[in-house]
C-alpha atoms as a PDB file:
ATOM      1  CA  MET A   1      72.452 104.981 115.200  1.00  0.00           C
ATOM      2  CA  ASN A   2      75.369 107.373 115.697  1.00  0.00           C
ATOM      3  CA  ARG A   3      78.236 108.149 113.352  1.00  0.00           C
ATOM      4  CA  ARG A   4      80.663 105.924 115.277  1.00  0.00           C
ATOM      5  CA  THR A   5      78.340 102.953 114.900  1.00  0.00           C
ATOM      6  CA  LEU A   6      78.087 103.615 111.151  1.00  0.00           C
ATOM      7  CA  ILE A   7      81.881 103.382 110.970  1.00  0.00           C
ATOM      8  CA  ARG A   8      82.347 100.518 113.419  1.00  0.00           C
ATOM      9  CA  LEU A   9      79.808  98.017 112.078  1.00  0.00           C
ATOM     10  CA  PRO A  10      81.042  97.880 108.463  1.00  0.00           C
ATOM     11  CA  LEU A  11      84.649  97.900 109.631  1.00  0.00           C
ATOM     12  CA  LEU A  12      83.992  94.806 111.717  1.00  0.00           C
ATOM     13  CA  ALA A  13      82.268  93.210 108.744  1.00  0.00           C
ATOM     14  CA  ALA A  14      85.165  94.075 106.478  1.00  0.00           C
ATOM     15  CA  PHE A  15      87.555  92.026 108.602  1.00  0.00           C
ATOM     16  CA  SER A  16      85.068  89.221 109.282  1.00  0.00           C
ATOM     17  CA  THR A  17      85.099  85.929 107.392  1.00  0.00           C
ATOM     18  CA  LEU A  18      81.547  84.867 108.186  1.00  0.00           C
ATOM     19  CA  ALA A  19      79.290  84.354 105.165  1.00  0.00           C
ATOM     20  CA  GLU A  20      75.568  83.843 105.352  1.00  0.00           C
ATOM     21  CA  ALA A  21      75.658  81.530 102.348  1.00  0.00           C
ATOM     22  CA  ALA A  22      78.381  80.163 100.104  1.00  0.00           C
ATOM     23  CA  ARG A  23      78.608  81.639  96.618  1.00  0.00           C
ATOM     24  CA  ALA A  24      80.333  80.445  93.487  1.00  0.00           C
ATOM     25  CA  ALA A  25      83.932  81.547  93.262  1.00  0.00           C
ATOM     26  CA  PRO A  26      84.444  84.574  90.994  1.00  0.00           C
ATOM     27  CA  PRO A  27      86.229  83.702  87.771  1.00  0.00           C
ATOM     28  CA  ALA A  28      89.909  84.356  87.452  1.00  0.00           C
ATOM     29  CA  ALA A  29      90.812  87.256  85.189  1.00  0.00           C
ATOM     30  CA  ALA A  30      91.945  86.378  81.675  1.00  0.00           C
ATOM     31  CA  LEU A  31      95.446  87.784  81.861  1.00  0.00           C
ATOM     32  CA  THR A  32      97.248  89.356  78.918  1.00  0.00           C
ATOM     33  CA  PRO A  33     101.037  89.519  78.662  1.00  0.00           C
ATOM     34  CA  ARG A  34     100.816  93.148  79.805  1.00  0.00           C
ATOM     35  CA  ASP A  35      98.731  92.067  82.812  1.00  0.00           C
ATOM     36  CA  ARG A  36     101.276  89.441  83.788  1.00  0.00           C
ATOM     37  CA  ALA A  37     104.113  91.956  83.508  1.00  0.00           C
ATOM     38  CA  ASP A  38     102.236  94.421  85.717  1.00  0.00           C
ATOM     39  CA  LEU A  39     101.458  91.723  88.284  1.00  0.00           C
ATOM     40  CA  ALA A  40     105.142  90.833  88.414  1.00  0.00           C
ATOM     41  CA  ARG A  41     105.978  94.515  89.028  1.00  0.00           C
ATOM     42  CA  ILE A  42     103.382  94.694  91.793  1.00  0.00           C
ATOM     43  CA  GLU A  43     104.701  91.530  93.464  1.00  0.00           C
ATOM     44  CA  THR A  44     108.235  92.931  93.388  1.00  0.00           C
ATOM     45  CA  TYR A  45     107.081  96.264  94.793  1.00  0.00           C
ATOM     46  CA  MET A  46     104.919  94.793  97.558  1.00  0.00           C
ATOM     47  CA  ASN A  47     107.574  92.326  98.638  1.00  0.00           C
ATOM     48  CA  GLY A  48     110.017  95.225  98.877  1.00  0.00           C
ATOM     49  CA  VAL A  49     107.748  97.168 101.263  1.00  0.00           C
ATOM     50  CA  HIS A  50     108.630  96.169 104.824  1.00  0.00           C
ATOM     51  CA  THR A  51     107.484  99.192 106.820  1.00  0.00           C
ATOM     52  CA  LEU A  52     105.043 101.978 106.027  1.00  0.00           C
ATOM     53  CA  LYS A  53     103.544 104.849 107.987  1.00  0.00           C
ATOM     54  CA  ALA A  54     100.821 107.106 106.621  1.00  0.00           C
ATOM     55  CA  ARG A  55      97.773 109.158 107.344  1.00  0.00           C
ATOM     56  CA  PHE A  56      94.600 107.397 106.219  1.00  0.00           C
ATOM     57  CA  LEU A  57      91.066 108.256 105.225  1.00  0.00           C
ATOM     58  CA  GLN A  58      88.570 105.428 105.657  1.00  0.00           C
ATOM     59  CA  VAL A  59      85.175 105.367 103.954  1.00  0.00           C
ATOM     60  CA  ALA A  60      82.623 102.869 105.274  1.00  0.00           C
ATOM     61  CA  PRO A  61      79.816 101.361 103.157  1.00  0.00           C
ATOM     62  CA  SER A  62      77.434 103.833 104.775  1.00  0.00           C
ATOM     63  CA  GLY A  63      79.575 106.729 103.564  1.00  0.00           C
ATOM     64  CA  ALA A  64      80.769 107.540 107.085  1.00  0.00           C
ATOM     65  CA  THR A  65      84.406 108.638 107.159  1.00  0.00           C
ATOM     66  CA  ALA A  66      87.208 108.406 109.690  1.00  0.00           C
ATOM     67  CA  GLU A  67      90.852 109.484 109.675  1.00  0.00           C
ATOM     68  CA  GLY A  68      93.945 108.584 111.598  1.00  0.00           C
ATOM     69  CA  VAL A  69      97.466 107.195 111.425  1.00  0.00           C
ATOM     70  CA  ALA A  70      98.350 103.761 110.026  1.00  0.00           C
ATOM     71  CA  TRP A  71     101.496 101.740 110.580  1.00  0.00           C
ATOM     72  CA  MET A  72     102.250  98.592 108.596  1.00  0.00           C
ATOM     73  CA  GLU A  73     105.137  96.216 109.102  1.00  0.00           C
ATOM     74  CA  ARG A  74     105.251  93.163 106.887  1.00  0.00           C
ATOM     75  CA  PRO A  75     104.846  90.376 107.604  1.00  0.00           C
ATOM     76  CA  GLY A  76     101.735  90.350 109.705  1.00  0.00           C
ATOM     77  CA  ARG A  77     101.657  93.668 111.568  1.00  0.00           C
ATOM     78  CA  MET A  78      99.421  96.715 111.264  1.00  0.00           C
ATOM     79  CA  ARG A  79      97.980  99.430 113.484  1.00  0.00           C
ATOM     80  CA  PHE A  80      95.127 101.815 112.676  1.00  0.00           C
ATOM     81  CA  GLU A  81      94.897 104.557 115.281  1.00  0.00           C
ATOM     82  CA  TYR A  82      91.829 106.710 114.707  1.00  0.00           C
ATOM     83  CA  ASP A  83      91.822 110.437 115.407  1.00  0.00           C
ATOM     84  CA  LYS A  84      90.007 111.628 118.507  1.00  0.00           C
ATOM     85  CA  PRO A  85      87.230 111.627 119.512  1.00  0.00           C
ATOM     86  CA  SER A  86      86.945 108.165 117.943  1.00  0.00           C
ATOM     87  CA  PRO A  87      87.473 105.391 120.530  1.00  0.00           C
ATOM     88  CA  LEU A  88      88.350 102.839 117.844  1.00  0.00           C
ATOM     89  CA  LEU A  89      91.651 100.998 117.429  1.00  0.00           C
ATOM     90  CA  LEU A  90      92.708  98.212 115.068  1.00  0.00           C
ATOM     91  CA  VAL A  91      95.869  96.205 115.749  1.00  0.00           C
ATOM     92  CA  ALA A  92      97.187  93.310 113.697  1.00  0.00           C
ATOM     93  CA  GLY A  93      99.928  91.147 115.133  1.00  0.00           C
ATOM     94  CA  TYR A  94     100.744  87.659 116.355  1.00  0.00           C
ATOM     95  CA  GLY A  95      98.324  86.090 113.869  1.00  0.00           C
ATOM     96  CA  LEU A  96      95.273  88.161 114.866  1.00  0.00           C
ATOM     97  CA  PHE A  97      93.334  91.274 113.955  1.00  0.00           C
ATOM     98  CA  ILE A  98      92.204  92.916 117.196  1.00  0.00           C
ATOM     99  CA  PHE A  99      89.480  95.554 116.969  1.00  0.00           C
ATOM    100  CA  HIS A 100      88.850  97.539 120.157  1.00  0.00           C
ATOM    101  CA  ASP A 101      86.178 100.085 121.059  1.00  0.00           C
ATOM    102  CA  SER A 102      87.327 101.735 124.274  1.00  0.00           C
ATOM    103  CA  GLN A 103      84.036 103.540 124.830  1.00  0.00           C
ATOM    104  CA  LEU A 104      81.998 100.327 124.723  1.00  0.00           C
ATOM    105  CA  ASN A 105      84.865  98.306 126.230  1.00  0.00           C
ATOM    106  CA  GLN A 106      84.439  95.725 123.479  1.00  0.00           C
ATOM    107  CA  THR A 107      87.236  93.797 121.791  1.00  0.00           C
ATOM    108  CA  THR A 108      86.888  91.529 118.748  1.00  0.00           C
ATOM    109  CA  ASN A 109      89.620  89.082 117.672  1.00  0.00           C
ATOM    110  CA  LEU A 110      89.791  87.626 114.158  1.00  0.00           C
ATOM    111  CA  PRO A 111      92.429  85.337 112.594  1.00  0.00           C
ATOM    112  CA  LEU A 112      94.748  87.261 110.307  1.00  0.00           C
ATOM    113  CA  SER A 113      94.961  84.292 107.945  1.00  0.00           C
ATOM    114  CA  ALA A 114      91.221  84.236 107.310  1.00  0.00           C
ATOM    115  CA  THR A 115      90.605  87.855 106.290  1.00  0.00           C
ATOM    116  CA  PRO A 116      90.993  89.523 102.883  1.00  0.00           C
ATOM    117  CA  LEU A 117      93.242  92.240 104.304  1.00  0.00           C
ATOM    118  CA  GLY A 118      95.578  89.556 105.611  1.00  0.00           C
ATOM    119  CA  LEU A 119      96.825  89.138 102.032  1.00  0.00           C
ATOM    120  CA  LEU A 120      98.330  92.629 102.206  1.00  0.00           C
ATOM    121  CA  LEU A 121     100.399  91.644 105.238  1.00  0.00           C
ATOM    122  CA  ARG A 122     101.862  88.437 103.853  1.00  0.00           C
ATOM    123  CA  ASP A 123     105.604  87.945 104.016  1.00  0.00           C
ATOM    124  CA  ASN A 124     105.696  86.919 100.367  1.00  0.00           C
ATOM    125  CA  LEU A 125     102.717  88.058  98.300  1.00  0.00           C
ATOM    126  CA  ARG A 126     102.259  85.999  95.139  1.00  0.00           C
ATOM    127  CA  LEU A 127      99.375  86.857  92.834  1.00  0.00           C
ATOM    128  CA  SER A 128      98.846  83.271  91.754  1.00  0.00           C
ATOM    129  CA  GLY A 129      98.352  79.838  93.278  1.00  0.00           C
ATOM    130  CA  ASP A 130      96.452  80.296  96.530  1.00  0.00           C
ATOM    131  CA  VAL A 131      95.588  83.858  95.435  1.00  0.00           C
ATOM    132  CA  THR A 132      93.297  84.341  92.431  1.00  0.00           C
ATOM    133  CA  VAL A 133      93.408  87.649  90.565  1.00  0.00           C
ATOM    134  CA  THR A 134      89.828  88.445  89.603  1.00  0.00           C
ATOM    135  CA  GLY A 135      90.409  91.714  87.793  1.00  0.00           C
ATOM    136  CA  ILE A 136      92.914  94.312  86.630  1.00  0.00           C
ATOM    137  CA  GLU A 137      91.789  97.821  85.772  1.00  0.00           C
ATOM    138  CA  ARG A 138      93.877 100.691  84.452  1.00  0.00           C
ATOM    139  CA  LEU A 139      92.950 104.329  84.863  1.00  0.00           C
ATOM    140  CA  PRO A 140      95.071 107.349  83.947  1.00  0.00           C
ATOM    141  CA  GLY A 141      98.119 107.102  86.190  1.00  0.00           C
ATOM    142  CA  GLN A 142      96.682 104.194  88.199  1.00  0.00           C
ATOM    143  CA  ILE A 143      96.400 100.451  88.177  1.00  0.00           C
ATOM    144  CA  GLN A 144      94.179  98.411  90.476  1.00  0.00           C
ATOM    145  CA  VAL A 145      94.228  94.683  91.110  1.00  0.00           C
ATOM    146  CA  SER A 146      91.416  92.695  92.733  1.00  0.00           C
ATOM    147  CA  MET A 147      92.035  89.326  94.359  1.00  0.00           C
ATOM    148  CA  VAL A 148      90.544  86.608  96.542  1.00  0.00           C
ATOM    149  CA  ARG A 149      91.911  83.599  98.354  1.00  0.00           C
ATOM    150  CA  THR A 150      91.538  80.770  95.866  1.00  0.00           C
ATOM    151  CA  ALA A 151      90.239  78.254  98.407  1.00  0.00           C
ATOM    152  CA  THR A 152      87.859  80.600 100.239  1.00  0.00           C
ATOM    153  CA  PRO A 153      86.586  83.302  97.880  1.00  0.00           C
ATOM    154  CA  ASP A 154      83.409  83.727  99.933  1.00  0.00           C
ATOM    155  CA  GLU A 155      85.487  85.427 102.654  1.00  0.00           C
ATOM    156  CA  GLY A 156      85.576  88.543 100.490  1.00  0.00           C
ATOM    157  CA  SER A 157      87.957  90.310  98.168  1.00  0.00           C
ATOM    158  CA  LEU A 158      90.831  92.765  98.385  1.00  0.00           C
ATOM    159  CA  THR A 159      91.554  95.441  95.780  1.00  0.00           C
ATOM    160  CA  LEU A 160      94.889  97.251  95.804  1.00  0.00           C
ATOM    161  CA  VAL A 161      95.242 100.587  93.998  1.00  0.00           C
ATOM    162  CA  PHE A 162      98.653 101.836  92.880  1.00  0.00           C
ATOM    163  CA  THR A 163     100.015 104.908  91.195  1.00  0.00           C
ATOM    164  CA  GLU A 164     101.899 103.783  88.079  1.00  0.00           C
ATOM    165  CA  GLU A 165     104.844 106.159  87.770  1.00  0.00           C
ATOM    166  CA  PRO A 166     106.350 105.505  90.151  1.00  0.00           C
ATOM    167  CA  LEU A 167     104.560 102.354  91.279  1.00  0.00           C
ATOM    168  CA  ALA A 168     103.294 102.958  94.826  1.00  0.00           C
ATOM    169  CA  LEU A 169     100.440 101.667  96.967  1.00  0.00           C
ATOM    170  CA  ARG A 170      97.917 104.428  97.638  1.00  0.00           C
ATOM    171  CA  GLN A 171      94.591 102.750  98.418  1.00  0.00           C
ATOM    172  CA  TRP A 172      92.912  99.464  99.183  1.00  0.00           C
ATOM    173  CA  SER A 173      89.342  98.299  99.559  1.00  0.00           C
ATOM    174  CA  VAL A 174      87.921  95.247 101.270  1.00  0.00           C
ATOM    175  CA  VAL A 175      84.597  93.775 100.143  1.00  0.00           C
ATOM    176  CA  ASP A 176      83.213  91.470 102.808  1.00  0.00           C
ATOM    177  CA  ALA A 177      81.074  88.354 102.530  1.00  0.00           C
ATOM    178  CA  GLN A 178      77.928  90.508 102.518  1.00  0.00           C
ATOM    179  CA  ARG A 179      79.284  92.599  99.611  1.00  0.00           C
ATOM    180  CA  GLN A 180      79.909  95.651 101.786  1.00  0.00           C
ATOM    181  CA  GLU A 181      82.953  97.710 100.831  1.00  0.00           C
ATOM    182  CA  THR A 182      85.310  99.567 103.156  1.00  0.00           C
ATOM    183  CA  ARG A 183      87.874 101.759 101.398  1.00  0.00           C
ATOM    184  CA  VAL A 184      91.128 103.145 102.811  1.00  0.00           C
ATOM    185  CA  THR A 185      93.193 105.864 101.120  1.00  0.00           C
ATOM    186  CA  LEU A 186      96.765 106.582 102.215  1.00  0.00           C
ATOM    187  CA  TYR A 187      98.512 109.936 102.111  1.00  0.00           C
ATOM    188  CA  ASN A 188     101.720 111.428 103.526  1.00  0.00           C
ATOM    189  CA  VAL A 189     103.212 107.968 103.069  1.00  0.00           C
ATOM    190  CA  GLU A 190     106.615 107.233 104.617  1.00  0.00           C
ATOM    191  CA  LEU A 191     108.445 104.027 103.691  1.00  0.00           C
ATOM    192  CA  GLY A 192     111.243 102.399 105.617  1.00  0.00           C
ATOM    193  CA  GLY A 193     112.517 102.784 109.142  1.00  0.00           C
ATOM    194  CA  THR A 194     111.791 100.717 112.223  1.00  0.00           C
ATOM    195  CA  PHE A 195     108.813 100.793 114.577  1.00  0.00           C
ATOM    196  CA  ASP A 196     108.380 100.148 118.265  1.00  0.00           C
ATOM    197  CA  GLN A 197     106.966  96.609 118.384  1.00  0.00           C
ATOM    198  CA  LYS A 198     104.618  97.650 121.180  1.00  0.00           C
ATOM    199  CA  LEU A 199     102.534  99.291 118.452  1.00  0.00           C
ATOM    200  CA  PHE A 200     101.408  95.864 117.289  1.00  0.00           C
ATOM    201  CA  ALA A 201     100.569  94.371 120.672  1.00  0.00           C
ATOM    202  CA  TYR A 202      97.165  95.258 122.075  1.00  0.00           C
ATOM    203  CA  VAL A 203      97.310  95.880 125.823  1.00  0.00           C
ATOM    204  CA  PRO A 204      93.925  96.438 127.514  1.00  0.00           C
ATOM    205  CA  GLY A 205      93.795  99.869 129.050  1.00  0.00           C
ATOM    206  CA  VAL A 206      96.656 101.155 126.861  1.00  0.00           C
ATOM    207  CA  SER A 207      94.897 101.429 123.522  1.00  0.00           C
ATOM    208  CA  LYS A 208      95.327 104.988 122.271  1.00  0.00           C
ATOM    209  CA  ASP A 209      97.816 107.826 121.931  1.00  0.00           C
ATOM    210  CA  ARG A 210     100.889 105.861 120.901  1.00  0.00           C
ATOM    211  CA  SER A 211     101.483 108.108 117.907  1.00  0.00           C
ATOM    212  CA  SER A 212     104.299 110.065 119.514  1.00  0.00           C
ATOM    213  CA  GLY A 213     106.206 106.975 120.613  1.00  0.00           C
ATOM    214  CA  GLY A 214     105.519 104.619 117.739  1.00  0.00           C
ATOM    215  CA  GLY A 215     106.920 106.304 114.706  1.00  0.00           C
ATOM    216  CA  ASN A 216     110.193 105.715 112.952  1.00  0.00           C
ATOM    217  CA  GLN A 217     112.949 105.096 115.444  1.00  0.00           C
END
């Protein structure tokens, strides 16, 4: 099994909603007044982030790493363009996650609404109701919040990691239905601006090298 396969397989699993067996829903976190205040801050921050561009470092469950450029436009749009020689591309748009391997000529489509990472791309993220917060952890200079979809916790969980001062998204991790974790760290983050909408539309045969034409316009 080559390094690309070690990256590709857990990444596919991380965006998949298929569970081998249903499990009991994780309990909701017992929230303190401080927790509720921090969740309100995080909601306000996330709902104020409309566009983001950054370099990313991805760590698969196997420990395999990959880097590239990420674009995010809320609601519902994302692009992960992996550095060469990786043939991988992830595009989110029009209600779907599309994962393409140009070397194998394989494309996988998954509904955006049925994946843990889809929560990050919501138009209006609320950390209550149909989202259950399962944990809040504070480390020096950081706060991380773990969550699941209330109705379908077996799909997996999403953990968002923020710097505290100032509050800023710097990492997320997705734990899939098989308890495999894929972690993404952002750096050189740029907020704001507008993106070419072609970034978020997968066109067979035109899957790589949009970096120069898809940045802030």
